[in-house]
Protein backbone atom coordinates (compact mmCIF):
# COMPACT_ATOMS: atom_id res chain seq x y z
CA MET A 1 4.23 6.44 -8.59
CA HIS A 2 2.05 6.51 -11.42
CA LEU A 3 3.05 4.10 -13.34
CA PHE A 4 3.17 1.65 -10.36
CA ALA A 5 -0.49 2.81 -10.57
CA ASP A 6 -1.29 1.95 -13.71
CA ASP A 7 0.19 -1.33 -13.48
CA LEU A 8 -2.29 -1.71 -10.88
CA LEU A 9 -5.09 -0.30 -11.90
CA ALA A 10 -4.83 -2.73 -14.77
CA THR A 11 -5.22 -5.57 -12.12
CA GLY A 12 -8.38 -4.73 -11.28
CA GLU A 13 -7.77 -6.23 -7.97
CA LEU A 14 -8.38 -3.10 -6.75
CA ARG A 15 -11.64 -0.68 -4.63
CA ALA A 16 -13.51 0.89 -7.60
CA GLU A 17 -13.08 3.88 -5.37
CA VAL A 18 -8.98 4.52 -5.80
CA GLU A 19 -8.04 6.86 -9.33
CA ARG A 20 -4.82 7.09 -9.73
CA ASP A 21 -3.87 10.07 -8.56
CA GLU A 22 -4.59 9.09 -4.77
CA LEU A 23 -2.54 5.53 -5.57
CA ALA A 24 -0.05 6.60 -6.52
CA ASP A 25 -0.11 9.99 -3.25
CA THR A 26 -1.08 6.23 -1.00
CA LEU A 27 2.28 4.29 -2.05
CA TRP A 28 5.04 7.35 -2.69
CA THR A 29 4.38 8.15 0.88
CA MET A 30 3.81 4.94 2.35
CA GLY A 31 7.03 3.72 0.55
CA SER A 32 9.15 6.29 1.46
CA PRO A 33 12.61 5.36 3.27
CA GLU A 34 11.22 8.79 5.39
CA LEU A 35 8.79 6.50 7.15
CA PHE A 36 10.77 3.46 7.29
CA LEU A 37 13.39 5.47 9.13
CA LEU A 38 10.30 7.07 11.49
CA LEU A 39 9.37 3.80 13.03
CA THR A 40 12.58 1.03 12.23
CA GLN A 41 15.11 3.73 14.51
CA GLU A 42 12.71 6.40 16.68
CA ARG A 43 9.96 3.28 17.17
CA GLY A 44 12.03 0.61 16.64
CA TRP A 45 10.89 -1.20 14.72
CA SER A 46 11.82 -4.53 13.37
CA GLY A 47 12.12 -4.04 9.08
CA GLU A 48 10.10 -7.28 9.02
CA ARG A 49 7.15 -5.91 11.48
CA PHE A 50 7.64 -2.41 8.82
CA SER A 51 7.00 -4.93 5.57
CA ALA A 52 4.32 -6.80 6.95
CA TRP A 53 2.73 -3.32 8.57
CA LEU A 54 3.06 -2.27 5.03
CA ALA A 55 1.92 -4.79 3.05
CA THR A 56 -1.37 -5.41 5.66
CA SER A 57 -1.81 -1.46 5.56
CA TRP A 58 -1.82 -1.44 1.27
CA HIS A 59 -3.81 -4.88 1.22
CA ARG A 60 -6.59 -2.92 3.26
CA LEU A 61 -6.46 0.31 2.21
CA LEU A 62 -6.66 -0.95 -1.46
CA LEU A 63 -7.58 -4.31 -2.45
CA ARG A 64 -11.06 -5.72 -3.44
CA GLU A 65 -12.23 -7.66 -0.49
CA PRO A 66 -12.28 -11.37 -2.26
CA HIS A 67 -15.67 -12.26 -3.16
CA HIS A 68 -16.97 -15.60 -1.31
CA ALA A 69 -19.19 -18.18 -3.75
CA ALA A 70 -22.41 -18.75 -1.74
C-alpha cells in the first residue's frame, strides 16, 4: 500500500495534509475484503453501491478541492 500511496502522492492531487502512512492505512482499511463483506453480506449493499461509496469516500477524504476560475 505504501507504493500505491507514493504513486498517488506523486500526482499532486491529494490534500496537503494527507501523509504517506495515513494514506496507506486509509487505502488498506477501506479497501479491505472484510469491509466489503461486512457491507455487502451483512448489510445488504450491492457491489455497485460499495464501489460508488468507496470512490466517493476516497474522493472526499483525500483529493484537493478543484480550483475554480474566477
